[in-house]
Amino acid sequence: MCQVDIWQDSFRKDCHCGQIRKVKFANIIRPDMVVNLEITTTGSGYNYKYYQDDIIFSSGVLPKENTL
């Protein structure tokens, strides 16, 4: 299951695989780590960020509409 499928199932927001505009992996999330997920809405989509304290593990942008 891709991250977008999880997004749609969990938050009931329309977002399609292949639509991710930006994904950044900055650090490795290890199995024993607890991380936070922050989701913010912008005019054109959703920004997300996985983080712990000041360390960002992954971030990206999911558009609200099909841009392909």
N, C-alpha and C. Protein backbone atom coordinates (compact mmCIF):
# COMPACT_ATOMS: atom_id res chain seq x y z
N MET A 1 0.86 -1.17 0.00
CA MET A 1 0.00 0.00 0.00
C MET A 1 0.90 1.24 0.00
N CYS A 2 0.68 2.14 -0.92
CA CYS A 2 1.52 3.34 -0.98
C CYS A 2 1.02 4.38 0.02
N GLN A 3 1.83 5.37 0.27
CA GLN A 3 1.52 6.40 1.27
C GLN A 3 0.21 7.12 0.92
N VAL A 4 -0.05 7.30 -0.37
CA VAL A 4 -1.27 8.00 -0.78
C VAL A 4 -2.50 7.15 -0.46
N ASP A 5 -2.41 5.81 -0.62
CA ASP A 5 -3.54 4.95 -0.27
C ASP A 5 -3.85 5.05 1.22
N ILE A 6 -2.81 5.08 2.03
CA ILE A 6 -3.00 5.23 3.48
C ILE A 6 -3.67 6.57 3.77
N TRP A 7 -3.23 7.62 3.08
CA TRP A 7 -3.81 8.96 3.23
C TRP A 7 -5.30 8.93 2.94
N GLN A 8 -5.67 8.32 1.80
CA GLN A 8 -7.08 8.28 1.41
C GLN A 8 -7.91 7.48 2.39
N ASP A 9 -7.40 6.33 2.84
CA ASP A 9 -8.14 5.50 3.78
C ASP A 9 -8.29 6.17 5.13
N SER A 10 -7.25 6.83 5.60
CA SER A 10 -7.26 7.42 6.94
C SER A 10 -7.98 8.75 7.02
N PHE A 11 -7.80 9.60 6.01
CA PHE A 11 -8.31 10.96 6.08
C PHE A 11 -9.45 11.25 5.12
N ARG A 12 -9.80 10.28 4.28
CA ARG A 12 -10.90 10.43 3.32
C ARG A 12 -10.73 11.67 2.45
N LYS A 13 -9.48 11.91 2.01
CA LYS A 13 -9.19 13.03 1.11
C LYS A 13 -8.80 12.47 -0.25
N ASP A 14 -9.21 13.13 -1.31
CA ASP A 14 -8.93 12.67 -2.66
C ASP A 14 -7.49 12.99 -3.05
N CYS A 15 -6.72 11.97 -3.32
CA CYS A 15 -5.34 12.12 -3.75
C CYS A 15 -4.97 10.84 -4.47
N HIS A 16 -4.35 10.93 -5.61
CA HIS A 16 -4.09 9.76 -6.44
C HIS A 16 -2.61 9.46 -6.54
N CYS A 17 -2.26 8.16 -6.56
CA CYS A 17 -0.86 7.78 -6.76
C CYS A 17 -0.36 8.39 -8.06
N GLY A 18 0.88 8.81 -8.06
CA GLY A 18 1.44 9.50 -9.21
C GLY A 18 1.29 11.00 -9.11
N GLN A 19 0.55 11.46 -8.11
CA GLN A 19 0.30 12.88 -7.95
C GLN A 19 1.23 13.56 -6.96
N ILE A 20 2.08 12.80 -6.30
CA ILE A 20 2.97 13.39 -5.31
C ILE A 20 3.96 14.30 -6.03
N ARG A 21 3.97 15.58 -5.68
CA ARG A 21 4.84 16.55 -6.33
C ARG A 21 6.22 16.60 -5.71
N LYS A 22 6.28 16.41 -4.42
CA LYS A 22 7.56 16.56 -3.74
C LYS A 22 7.60 15.58 -2.57
N VAL A 23 8.65 14.78 -2.52
CA VAL A 23 8.88 13.89 -1.39
C VAL A 23 10.36 13.99 -1.04
N LYS A 24 10.63 14.21 0.22
CA LYS A 24 12.02 14.32 0.67
C LYS A 24 12.22 13.38 1.84
N PHE A 25 13.23 12.53 1.73
CA PHE A 25 13.62 11.65 2.82
C PHE A 25 14.95 12.16 3.34
N ALA A 26 14.97 12.66 4.56
CA ALA A 26 16.17 13.29 5.10
C ALA A 26 16.89 12.43 6.12
N ASN A 27 16.17 11.58 6.83
CA ASN A 27 16.76 10.73 7.86
C ASN A 27 16.02 9.40 7.88
N ILE A 28 16.65 8.39 8.45
CA ILE A 28 16.07 7.05 8.52
C ILE A 28 15.19 6.94 9.77
N ILE A 29 13.98 6.43 9.59
CA ILE A 29 13.09 6.14 10.71
C ILE A 29 13.31 4.67 11.07
N ARG A 30 13.76 4.44 12.26
CA ARG A 30 14.03 3.08 12.73
C ARG A 30 12.77 2.50 13.39
N PRO A 31 12.62 1.17 13.38
CA PRO A 31 11.39 0.54 13.89
C PRO A 31 11.02 0.91 15.33
N ASP A 32 11.99 1.20 16.17
CA ASP A 32 11.69 1.49 17.57
C ASP A 32 11.42 2.97 17.84
N MET A 33 11.44 3.81 16.81
CA MET A 33 11.26 5.26 16.98
C MET A 33 9.78 5.63 16.93
N VAL A 34 9.42 6.63 17.71
CA VAL A 34 8.08 7.22 17.65
C VAL A 34 8.25 8.57 16.98
N VAL A 35 7.52 8.78 15.86
CA VAL A 35 7.62 10.04 15.14
C VAL A 35 6.25 10.69 15.06
N ASN A 36 6.23 11.98 14.81
CA ASN A 36 5.00 12.75 14.66
C ASN A 36 4.70 12.94 13.18
N LEU A 37 3.42 13.02 12.85
CA LEU A 37 2.98 13.35 11.49
C LEU A 37 2.23 14.67 11.57
N GLU A 38 2.70 15.65 10.82
CA GLU A 38 2.04 16.96 10.75
C GLU A 38 1.49 17.14 9.34
N ILE A 39 0.22 17.47 9.24
CA ILE A 39 -0.43 17.70 7.94
C ILE A 39 -1.03 19.09 7.96
N THR A 40 -0.68 19.88 6.95
CA THR A 40 -1.25 21.22 6.81
C THR A 40 -1.87 21.35 5.43
N THR A 41 -2.94 22.11 5.36
CA THR A 41 -3.64 22.33 4.10
C THR A 41 -3.14 23.63 3.48
N THR A 42 -2.85 23.58 2.19
CA THR A 42 -2.52 24.78 1.43
C THR A 42 -3.59 24.98 0.39
N GLY A 43 -3.51 26.04 -0.36
CA GLY A 43 -4.52 26.30 -1.39
C GLY A 43 -4.56 25.23 -2.46
N SER A 44 -3.42 24.60 -2.75
CA SER A 44 -3.38 23.63 -3.84
C SER A 44 -3.19 22.19 -3.38
N GLY A 45 -3.04 21.96 -2.08
CA GLY A 45 -2.84 20.59 -1.63
C GLY A 45 -2.58 20.47 -0.15
N TYR A 46 -1.84 19.44 0.20
CA TYR A 46 -1.54 19.14 1.60
C TYR A 46 -0.03 18.97 1.75
N ASN A 47 0.53 19.63 2.72
CA ASN A 47 1.93 19.41 3.08
C ASN A 47 1.97 18.44 4.23
N TYR A 48 2.91 17.50 4.19
CA TYR A 48 3.05 16.59 5.31
C TYR A 48 4.50 16.52 5.75
N LYS A 49 4.70 16.15 7.00
CA LYS A 49 6.04 16.06 7.55
C LYS A 49 6.04 15.03 8.68
N TYR A 50 6.99 14.08 8.59
CA TYR A 50 7.25 13.14 9.68
C TYR A 50 8.45 13.68 10.44
N TYR A 51 8.32 13.88 11.76
CA TYR A 51 9.41 14.48 12.52
C TYR A 51 9.42 13.99 13.96
N GLN A 52 10.54 14.23 14.61
CA GLN A 52 10.71 13.96 16.04
C GLN A 52 11.60 15.08 16.58
N ASP A 53 11.07 15.86 17.50
CA ASP A 53 11.78 17.03 18.03
C ASP A 53 12.16 17.94 16.85
N ASP A 54 13.44 18.22 16.66
CA ASP A 54 13.90 19.08 15.56
C ASP A 54 14.36 18.31 14.34
N ILE A 55 14.20 16.99 14.33
CA ILE A 55 14.67 16.16 13.23
C ILE A 55 13.51 15.85 12.30
N ILE A 56 13.64 16.21 11.02
CA ILE A 56 12.64 15.90 10.01
C ILE A 56 13.10 14.65 9.26
N PHE A 57 12.24 13.63 9.23
CA PHE A 57 12.58 12.38 8.57
C PHE A 57 12.09 12.35 7.13
N SER A 58 10.93 12.88 6.88
CA SER A 58 10.38 12.89 5.54
C SER A 58 9.35 14.03 5.45
N SER A 59 9.25 14.62 4.26
CA SER A 59 8.26 15.67 4.02
C SER A 59 7.86 15.65 2.57
N GLY A 60 6.73 16.25 2.27
CA GLY A 60 6.29 16.29 0.89
C GLY A 60 5.02 17.06 0.69
N VAL A 61 4.55 17.09 -0.56
CA VAL A 61 3.36 17.81 -0.95
C VAL A 61 2.45 16.86 -1.74
N LEU A 62 1.18 16.80 -1.34
CA LEU A 62 0.17 16.03 -2.06
C LEU A 62 -0.86 17.01 -2.61
N PRO A 63 -1.07 17.06 -3.94
CA PRO A 63 -2.03 18.00 -4.49
C PRO A 63 -3.47 17.55 -4.26
N LYS A 64 -4.38 18.51 -4.23
CA LYS A 64 -5.80 18.22 -4.07
C LYS A 64 -6.42 17.71 -5.37
N GLU A 65 -5.88 18.16 -6.50
CA GLU A 65 -6.46 17.80 -7.79
C GLU A 65 -5.44 17.11 -8.67
N ASN A 66 -5.93 16.38 -9.65
CA ASN A 66 -5.08 15.70 -10.61
C ASN A 66 -4.37 16.75 -11.47
N THR A 67 -3.05 16.75 -11.46
CA THR A 67 -2.30 17.73 -12.24
C THR A 67 -1.58 17.11 -13.42
N LEU A 68 -1.77 15.81 -13.65
CA LEU A 68 -1.12 15.14 -14.78
C LEU A 68 -1.92 15.27 -16.05
